[in-house]
Amino acid sequence: MSTTRPKILIACNENVRNNYLAPPQIERLEAFAAWEWFPCEGGGIYDTNSDTAVAEKLQQQLSTVEGLVVCHGAPTISAAMMDAAPQLRL
């Protein structure tokens, strides 16, 4: 079994970060993975963030992650983003 911990990127707005990622849930995640929050504001409940600069910045982050969680505030995950994420598994 590998001792390398997967790297998870969580792309969401501050409201989701503060209200849905409670400390006990973060502790559960940290038990098996390294994680990072990618803050992104925009869109809405039913729309994604349409800021191309945010999408480009997120795409740059994807080259080193094995997992990506998206929620409110995140841009649409495009084919180009998927191509930039060769290690992405989840």
C-alpha atoms as a PDB file:
ATOM      1  CA  MET A   1       0.000   0.000   0.000  1.00  0.00           C
ATOM      2  CA  SER A   2       1.281   3.440  -0.922  1.00  0.00           C
ATOM      3  CA  THR A   3       2.088   5.894   1.851  1.00  0.00           C
ATOM      4  CA  THR A   4       1.451   8.861  -0.434  1.00  0.00           C
ATOM      5  CA  ARG A   5      -1.626  10.808   0.544  1.00  0.00           C
ATOM      6  CA  PRO A   6      -3.842  11.924  -2.342  1.00  0.00           C
ATOM      7  CA  LYS A   7      -4.169  15.652  -2.892  1.00  0.00           C
ATOM      8  CA  ILE A   8      -7.750  16.921  -2.995  1.00  0.00           C
ATOM      9  CA  LEU A   9      -8.748  20.360  -4.266  1.00  0.00           C
ATOM     10  CA  ILE A  10     -12.057  21.816  -3.073  1.00  0.00           C
ATOM     11  CA  ALA A  11     -13.351  24.602  -5.340  1.00  0.00           C
ATOM     12  CA  CYS A  12     -16.187  26.548  -3.749  1.00  0.00           C
ATOM     13  CA  ASN A  13     -17.205  29.920  -2.440  1.00  0.00           C
ATOM     14  CA  GLU A  14     -16.588  31.184   1.074  1.00  0.00           C
ATOM     15  CA  ASN A  15     -20.152  30.466   2.191  1.00  0.00           C
ATOM     16  CA  VAL A  16     -19.811  26.773   1.330  1.00  0.00           C
ATOM     17  CA  ARG A  17     -16.360  26.644   2.928  1.00  0.00           C
ATOM     18  CA  ASN A  18     -17.588  28.176   6.171  1.00  0.00           C
ATOM     19  CA  ASN A  19     -20.969  26.459   6.439  1.00  0.00           C
ATOM     20  CA  TYR A  20     -20.577  23.024   4.871  1.00  0.00           C
ATOM     21  CA  LEU A  21     -16.964  22.074   5.552  1.00  0.00           C
ATOM     22  CA  ALA A  22     -17.261  21.754   9.306  1.00  0.00           C
ATOM     23  CA  PRO A  23     -14.145  20.969  11.371  1.00  0.00           C
ATOM     24  CA  PRO A  24     -15.175  17.330  12.003  1.00  0.00           C
ATOM     25  CA  GLN A  25     -15.569  16.784   8.251  1.00  0.00           C
ATOM     26  CA  ILE A  26     -12.200  18.402   7.555  1.00  0.00           C
ATOM     27  CA  GLU A  27     -10.629  16.118  10.169  1.00  0.00           C
ATOM     28  CA  ARG A  28     -12.124  13.095   8.396  1.00  0.00           C
ATOM     29  CA  LEU A  29     -10.673  14.302   5.089  1.00  0.00           C
ATOM     30  CA  GLU A  30      -7.269  15.004   6.617  1.00  0.00           C
ATOM     31  CA  ALA A  31      -7.139  11.452   7.977  1.00  0.00           C
ATOM     32  CA  PHE A  32      -6.456  10.144   4.477  1.00  0.00           C
ATOM     33  CA  ALA A  33      -5.695  13.094   2.177  1.00  0.00           C
ATOM     34  CA  ALA A  34      -3.927  16.399   1.830  1.00  0.00           C
ATOM     35  CA  TRP A  35      -6.360  19.077   0.737  1.00  0.00           C
ATOM     36  CA  GLU A  36      -6.496  22.662  -0.364  1.00  0.00           C
ATOM     37  CA  TRP A  37      -9.332  25.140  -0.745  1.00  0.00           C
ATOM     38  CA  PHE A  38      -9.608  26.973  -4.066  1.00  0.00           C
ATOM     39  CA  PRO A  39     -11.783  30.000  -3.219  1.00  0.00           C
ATOM     40  CA  CYS A  40     -14.025  31.126  -6.048  1.00  0.00           C
ATOM     41  CA  GLU A  41     -16.990  33.482  -5.917  1.00  0.00           C
ATOM     42  CA  GLY A  42     -19.554  33.864  -8.658  1.00  0.00           C
ATOM     43  CA  GLY A  43     -22.377  32.126 -10.383  1.00  0.00           C
ATOM     44  CA  GLY A  44     -25.232  31.295  -8.090  1.00  0.00           C
ATOM     45  CA  ILE A  45     -27.211  28.369  -6.807  1.00  0.00           C
ATOM     46  CA  TYR A  46     -27.926  27.080 -10.311  1.00  0.00           C
ATOM     47  CA  ASP A  47     -25.194  28.768 -12.375  1.00  0.00           C
ATOM     48  CA  THR A  48     -21.458  28.280 -12.455  1.00  0.00           C
ATOM     49  CA  ASN A  49     -18.819  30.976 -12.160  1.00  0.00           C
ATOM     50  CA  SER A  50     -18.308  32.452 -15.650  1.00  0.00           C
ATOM     51  CA  ASP A  51     -15.103  34.386 -14.871  1.00  0.00           C
ATOM     52  CA  THR A  52     -12.507  33.074 -17.341  1.00  0.00           C
ATOM     53  CA  ALA A  53      -9.626  34.206 -15.111  1.00  0.00           C
ATOM     54  CA  VAL A  54     -10.950  32.008 -12.290  1.00  0.00           C
ATOM     55  CA  ALA A  55     -11.353  29.074 -14.685  1.00  0.00           C
ATOM     56  CA  GLU A  56      -7.772  29.490 -15.924  1.00  0.00           C
ATOM     57  CA  LYS A  57      -6.426  29.688 -12.380  1.00  0.00           C
ATOM     58  CA  LEU A  58      -8.339  26.548 -11.411  1.00  0.00           C
ATOM     59  CA  GLN A  59      -7.039  24.751 -14.492  1.00  0.00           C
ATOM     60  CA  GLN A  60      -3.463  25.534 -13.422  1.00  0.00           C
ATOM     61  CA  GLN A  61      -4.132  23.968 -10.020  1.00  0.00           C
ATOM     62  CA  LEU A  62      -5.439  20.718 -11.489  1.00  0.00           C
ATOM     63  CA  SER A  63      -2.119  19.347 -12.731  1.00  0.00           C
ATOM     64  CA  THR A  64      -1.150  18.080  -9.279  1.00  0.00           C
ATOM     65  CA  VAL A  65      -4.408  16.823  -7.765  1.00  0.00           C
ATOM     66  CA  GLU A  66      -5.958  13.372  -7.596  1.00  0.00           C
ATOM     67  CA  GLY A  67      -9.367  14.587  -6.442  1.00  0.00           C
ATOM     68  CA  LEU A  68     -11.544  17.589  -7.182  1.00  0.00           C
ATOM     69  CA  VAL A  69     -14.696  18.619  -5.337  1.00  0.00           C
ATOM     70  CA  VAL A  70     -16.720  21.462  -6.847  1.00  0.00           C
ATOM     71  CA  CYS A  71     -19.645  23.372  -5.393  1.00  0.00           C
ATOM     72  CA  HIS A  72     -21.225  26.837  -5.515  1.00  0.00           C
ATOM     73  CA  GLY A  73     -18.850  29.447  -6.903  1.00  0.00           C
ATOM     74  CA  ALA A  74     -16.798  27.058  -9.027  1.00  0.00           C
ATOM     75  CA  PRO A  75     -16.515  27.423 -12.792  1.00  0.00           C
ATOM     76  CA  THR A  76     -17.718  24.757 -15.206  1.00  0.00           C
ATOM     77  CA  ILE A  77     -15.158  21.968 -15.554  1.00  0.00           C
ATOM     78  CA  SER A  78     -14.255  21.973 -19.243  1.00  0.00           C
ATOM     79  CA  ALA A  79     -12.587  19.369 -21.427  1.00  0.00           C
ATOM     80  CA  ALA A  80      -9.434  21.514 -21.368  1.00  0.00           C
ATOM     81  CA  MET A  81      -9.440  21.391 -17.568  1.00  0.00           C
ATOM     82  CA  MET A  82      -9.784  17.622 -17.623  1.00  0.00           C
ATOM     83  CA  ASP A  83      -6.901  17.403 -20.101  1.00  0.00           C
ATOM     84  CA  ALA A  84      -4.789  19.499 -17.703  1.00  0.00           C
ATOM     85  CA  ALA A  85      -5.460  17.036 -14.871  1.00  0.00           C
ATOM     86  CA  PRO A  86      -3.654  13.797 -15.751  1.00  0.00           C
ATOM     87  CA  GLN A  87      -3.660  12.544 -12.151  1.00  0.00           C
ATOM     88  CA  LEU A  88      -7.332  13.321 -11.465  1.00  0.00           C
ATOM     89  CA  ARG A  89      -9.182  10.204 -10.312  1.00  0.00           C
ATOM     90  CA  LEU A  90     -12.122  11.535  -8.322  1.00  0.00           C
END
